[in-house]
Amino acid sequence: MIVGLDANILCYALDDAYLEHKKTKELLLNLSSDNRIAVNPTIIHEVYHVLVYSQKWLPQDASGALKILLKNPYLEFFSQTKNISQIALSLSVHYKLGGRDGLIAANFLANKLTLMYTHDKELVVLQKIKWKNSTINFKDPISMK
C-alpha cells in the first residue's frame, strides 16, 4: 500500500522539535516494499519552506534531508501536470478547498492513491474526496495512535 503524505505530516516526521514528531517519525523509519509513501513537488517545496522559514533550519540542512528522502526506494514521487492542475481547480471549487490542498489531492487522485495522511482539520473533516471513479480518504495519523 502507498500512503500519500501531506506537508504537515512530513514536517512533523522530519523535525523532532514538533510534539507530533513521536507519532509520525515511524512513517519514515518503517518504509519498506509493503509500506511506501508518496509525495509530489508541492509537498516537497512546502516542507522546505516550513523547515527553513518557520522551523529555522539551515537551508542546506532542509535541502539535504529532502534530497535524502527523495532517494529512498520506498518513496513514490508524482509529478505535476497540466491535467492535474485542471483537476485541482475543479476539486477546489467543488469541495471549497484552498489551491494547495486541491493540488495535492488532485495529484494523489490522478495517481490512484486511496489514502492520504494529513493533520489539516479541513481535510480530516471532509474525510474523502471523489473524482470520476477515484476516491481519496483523509486520515490523521496523530489521532490514530
C-alpha atoms as a PDB file:
ATOM      1  CA  MET A   1       0.000   0.000   0.000  1.00  0.00           C
ATOM      2  CA  ILE A   2       1.123   3.537  -0.756  1.00  0.00           C
ATOM      3  CA  VAL A   3       0.048   6.384   1.536  1.00  0.00           C
ATOM      4  CA  GLY A   4       0.275   9.984   0.428  1.00  0.00           C
ATOM      5  CA  LEU A   5       1.771  12.337   2.993  1.00  0.00           C
ATOM      6  CA  ASP A   6       0.630  15.916   3.398  1.00  0.00           C
ATOM      7  CA  ALA A   7       3.329  18.519   4.020  1.00  0.00           C
ATOM      8  CA  ASN A   8       2.400  18.915   7.685  1.00  0.00           C
ATOM      9  CA  ILE A   9       2.893  15.199   8.377  1.00  0.00           C
ATOM     10  CA  LEU A  10       6.229  15.167   6.569  1.00  0.00           C
ATOM     11  CA  CYS A  11       7.394  18.225   8.541  1.00  0.00           C
ATOM     12  CA  TYR A  12       6.461  16.522  11.811  1.00  0.00           C
ATOM     13  CA  ALA A  13       8.230  13.315  10.779  1.00  0.00           C
ATOM     14  CA  LEU A  14      11.441  15.143   9.844  1.00  0.00           C
ATOM     15  CA  ASP A  15      11.703  17.668  12.685  1.00  0.00           C
ATOM     16  CA  ASP A  16      11.924  16.448  16.271  1.00  0.00           C
ATOM     17  CA  ALA A  17      11.086  19.956  17.522  1.00  0.00           C
ATOM     18  CA  TYR A  18       7.411  19.199  16.840  1.00  0.00           C
ATOM     19  CA  LEU A  19       5.396  17.481  19.574  1.00  0.00           C
ATOM     20  CA  GLU A  20       3.842  15.395  16.780  1.00  0.00           C
ATOM     21  CA  HIS A  21       7.267  14.000  15.798  1.00  0.00           C
ATOM     22  CA  LYS A  22       6.990  10.985  18.119  1.00  0.00           C
ATOM     23  CA  LYS A  23       3.737   9.918  16.436  1.00  0.00           C
ATOM     24  CA  THR A  24       4.935  10.440  12.872  1.00  0.00           C
ATOM     25  CA  LYS A  25       8.639   9.544  12.731  1.00  0.00           C
ATOM     26  CA  GLU A  26       7.856   5.847  12.149  1.00  0.00           C
ATOM     27  CA  LEU A  27       6.222   6.764   8.855  1.00  0.00           C
ATOM     28  CA  LEU A  28       9.741   7.367   7.541  1.00  0.00           C
ATOM     29  CA  LEU A  29      11.644   4.881   9.686  1.00  0.00           C
ATOM     30  CA  ASN A  30       9.449   1.907   8.732  1.00  0.00           C
ATOM     31  CA  LEU A  31       9.442   2.303   4.958  1.00  0.00           C
ATOM     32  CA  SER A  32       9.585  -0.979   3.060  1.00  0.00           C
ATOM     33  CA  SER A  33       8.252  -2.591  -0.096  1.00  0.00           C
ATOM     34  CA  ASP A  34       4.985  -3.170   1.787  1.00  0.00           C
ATOM     35  CA  ASN A  35       4.949   0.240   3.441  1.00  0.00           C
ATOM     36  CA  ARG A  36       5.525   3.031   0.931  1.00  0.00           C
ATOM     37  CA  ILE A  37       4.771   6.733   0.938  1.00  0.00           C
ATOM     38  CA  ALA A  38       4.085   9.233  -1.829  1.00  0.00           C
ATOM     39  CA  VAL A  39       4.811  12.932  -2.239  1.00  0.00           C
ATOM     40  CA  ASN A  40       4.754  15.476  -5.042  1.00  0.00           C
ATOM     41  CA  PRO A  41       6.527  18.771  -5.836  1.00  0.00           C
ATOM     42  CA  THR A  42       4.012  20.874  -3.903  1.00  0.00           C
ATOM     43  CA  ILE A  43       4.673  18.882  -0.739  1.00  0.00           C
ATOM     44  CA  ILE A  44       8.458  18.829  -1.060  1.00  0.00           C
ATOM     45  CA  HIS A  45       8.703  22.561  -1.590  1.00  0.00           C
ATOM     46  CA  GLU A  46       6.201  23.412   1.120  1.00  0.00           C
ATOM     47  CA  VAL A  47       8.149  21.249   3.585  1.00  0.00           C
ATOM     48  CA  TYR A  48      11.371  23.021   2.595  1.00  0.00           C
ATOM     49  CA  HIS A  49       9.717  26.385   3.145  1.00  0.00           C
ATOM     50  CA  VAL A  50       8.348  25.433   6.584  1.00  0.00           C
ATOM     51  CA  LEU A  51      11.596  23.871   7.767  1.00  0.00           C
ATOM     52  CA  VAL A  52      13.686  26.879   6.711  1.00  0.00           C
ATOM     53  CA  TYR A  53      11.372  29.813   7.406  1.00  0.00           C
ATOM     54  CA  SER A  54       9.253  28.573  10.332  1.00  0.00           C
ATOM     55  CA  GLN A  55      11.458  25.982  11.990  1.00  0.00           C
ATOM     56  CA  LYS A  56      14.669  27.930  11.276  1.00  0.00           C
ATOM     57  CA  TRP A  57      16.607  25.039   9.739  1.00  0.00           C
ATOM     58  CA  LEU A  58      19.624  25.999   7.687  1.00  0.00           C
ATOM     59  CA  PRO A  59      18.640  25.897   4.001  1.00  0.00           C
ATOM     60  CA  GLN A  60      21.339  23.317   3.214  1.00  0.00           C
ATOM     61  CA  ASP A  61      20.098  21.065   6.047  1.00  0.00           C
ATOM     62  CA  ALA A  62      16.487  21.177   4.824  1.00  0.00           C
ATOM     63  CA  SER A  63      17.573  20.623   1.233  1.00  0.00           C
ATOM     64  CA  GLY A  64      19.871  17.772   2.256  1.00  0.00           C
ATOM     65  CA  ALA A  65      17.209  15.992   4.312  1.00  0.00           C
ATOM     66  CA  LEU A  66      14.689  16.237   1.490  1.00  0.00           C
ATOM     67  CA  LYS A  67      17.198  15.051  -1.124  1.00  0.00           C
ATOM     68  CA  ILE A  68      17.994  12.005   1.029  1.00  0.00           C
ATOM     69  CA  LEU A  69      14.282  11.299   1.384  1.00  0.00           C
ATOM     70  CA  LEU A  70      13.749  11.603  -2.371  1.00  0.00           C
ATOM     71  CA  LYS A  71      16.413   8.917  -2.926  1.00  0.00           C
ATOM     72  CA  ASN A  72      14.540   6.415  -0.741  1.00  0.00           C
ATOM     73  CA  PRO A  73      13.438   3.490  -2.920  1.00  0.00           C
ATOM     74  CA  TYR A  74      10.158   3.225  -0.992  1.00  0.00           C
ATOM     75  CA  LEU A  75       9.102   6.793  -1.728  1.00  0.00           C
ATOM     76  CA  GLU A  76       6.916   7.446  -4.767  1.00  0.00           C
ATOM     77  CA  PHE A  77       7.294  10.874  -6.342  1.00  0.00           C
ATOM     78  CA  PHE A  78       4.401  12.003  -8.515  1.00  0.00           C
ATOM     79  CA  SER A  79       4.989  14.864 -10.946  1.00  0.00           C
ATOM     80  CA  GLN A  80       2.537  17.690 -11.580  1.00  0.00           C
ATOM     81  CA  THR A  81       0.882  18.066 -14.972  1.00  0.00           C
ATOM     82  CA  LYS A  82      -1.481  20.488 -16.646  1.00  0.00           C
ATOM     83  CA  ASN A  83      -4.231  17.879 -16.265  1.00  0.00           C
ATOM     84  CA  ILE A  84      -3.585  17.621 -12.518  1.00  0.00           C
ATOM     85  CA  SER A  85      -3.838  21.405 -12.256  1.00  0.00           C
ATOM     86  CA  GLN A  86      -7.188  21.318 -14.067  1.00  0.00           C
ATOM     87  CA  ILE A  87      -8.466  18.571 -11.748  1.00  0.00           C
ATOM     88  CA  ALA A  88      -7.214  20.583  -8.760  1.00  0.00           C
ATOM     89  CA  LEU A  89      -9.139  23.665  -9.840  1.00  0.00           C
ATOM     90  CA  SER A  90     -12.332  21.618 -10.172  1.00  0.00           C
ATOM     91  CA  LEU A  91     -11.818  19.976  -6.777  1.00  0.00           C
ATOM     92  CA  SER A  92     -11.051  23.337  -5.164  1.00  0.00           C
ATOM     93  CA  VAL A  93     -14.348  24.765  -6.404  1.00  0.00           C
ATOM     94  CA  HIS A  94     -16.451  21.673  -5.687  1.00  0.00           C
ATOM     95  CA  TYR A  95     -15.068  20.948  -2.208  1.00  0.00           C
ATOM     96  CA  LYS A  96     -14.212  24.574  -1.297  1.00  0.00           C
ATOM     97  CA  LEU A  97     -10.524  23.733  -0.906  1.00  0.00           C
ATOM     98  CA  GLY A  98      -7.560  26.051  -0.925  1.00  0.00           C
ATOM     99  CA  GLY A  99      -5.428  25.822  -4.046  1.00  0.00           C
ATOM    100  CA  ARG A 100      -2.611  23.894  -2.354  1.00  0.00           C
ATOM    101  CA  ASP A 101      -4.956  21.298  -0.838  1.00  0.00           C
ATOM    102  CA  GLY A 102      -6.739  20.923  -4.162  1.00  0.00           C
ATOM    103  CA  LEU A 103      -3.434  20.432  -5.983  1.00  0.00           C
ATOM    104  CA  ILE A 104      -2.151  17.821  -3.542  1.00  0.00           C
ATOM    105  CA  ALA A 105      -5.447  15.893  -3.557  1.00  0.00           C
ATOM    106  CA  ALA A 106      -5.699  16.035  -7.362  1.00  0.00           C
ATOM    107  CA  ASN A 107      -2.152  14.759  -7.741  1.00  0.00           C
ATOM    108  CA  PHE A 108      -2.798  11.778  -5.497  1.00  0.00           C
ATOM    109  CA  LEU A 109      -6.196  11.043  -7.081  1.00  0.00           C
ATOM    110  CA  ALA A 110      -4.712  11.150 -10.581  1.00  0.00           C
ATOM    111  CA  ASN A 111      -2.100   8.655  -9.408  1.00  0.00           C
ATOM    112  CA  LYS A 112      -4.740   6.312  -7.934  1.00  0.00           C
ATOM    113  CA  LEU A 113      -3.857   6.744  -4.256  1.00  0.00           C
ATOM    114  CA  THR A 114      -6.728   5.965  -1.901  1.00  0.00           C
ATOM    115  CA  LEU A 115      -5.270   7.260   1.384  1.00  0.00           C
ATOM    116  CA  MET A 116      -3.533  10.443   2.464  1.00  0.00           C
ATOM    117  CA  TYR A 117      -2.251  11.228   5.937  1.00  0.00           C
ATOM    118  CA  THR A 118      -2.840  14.825   6.948  1.00  0.00           C
ATOM    119  CA  HIS A 119      -3.211  16.919  10.073  1.00  0.00           C
ATOM    120  CA  ASP A 120      -5.235  19.515   8.147  1.00  0.00           C
ATOM    121  CA  LYS A 121      -8.529  19.774  10.014  1.00  0.00           C
ATOM    122  CA  GLU A 122     -10.494  20.825   6.912  1.00  0.00           C
ATOM    123  CA  LEU A 123      -9.427  17.680   5.046  1.00  0.00           C
ATOM    124  CA  VAL A 124      -9.928  15.401   8.040  1.00  0.00           C
ATOM    125  CA  VAL A 125     -13.473  16.739   8.463  1.00  0.00           C
ATOM    126  CA  LEU A 126     -14.163  16.125   4.746  1.00  0.00           C
ATOM    127  CA  GLN A 127     -12.949  12.523   5.250  1.00  0.00           C
ATOM    128  CA  LYS A 128     -12.730  11.888   1.498  1.00  0.00           C
ATOM    129  CA  ILE A 129     -12.812  13.438  -1.949  1.00  0.00           C
ATOM    130  CA  LYS A 130     -14.107  11.819  -5.110  1.00  0.00           C
ATOM    131  CA  TRP A 131     -13.107  12.487  -8.680  1.00  0.00           C
ATOM    132  CA  LYS A 132     -14.523  10.394 -11.519  1.00  0.00           C
ATOM    133  CA  ASN A 133     -14.057   6.769 -10.348  1.00  0.00           C
ATOM    134  CA  SER A 134     -11.388   7.549  -7.753  1.00  0.00           C
ATOM    135  CA  THR A 135     -11.673   8.354  -4.058  1.00  0.00           C
ATOM    136  CA  ILE A 136      -9.012   9.512  -1.641  1.00  0.00           C
ATOM    137  CA  ASN A 137      -9.588   9.173   2.098  1.00  0.00           C
ATOM    138  CA  PHE A 138      -8.014  11.539   4.604  1.00  0.00           C
ATOM    139  CA  LYS A 139      -6.764  10.216   7.939  1.00  0.00           C
ATOM    140  CA  ASP A 140      -4.896  11.954  10.735  1.00  0.00           C
ATOM    141  CA  PRO A 141      -2.117   9.601  11.890  1.00  0.00           C
ATOM    142  CA  ILE A 142      -1.675  11.653  15.048  1.00  0.00           C
ATOM    143  CA  SER A 143      -5.187  10.914  16.295  1.00  0.00           C
ATOM    144  CA  MET A 144      -4.989   7.271  15.058  1.00  0.00           C
ATOM    145  CA  LYS A 145      -2.324   6.301  17.600  1.00  0.00           C
END
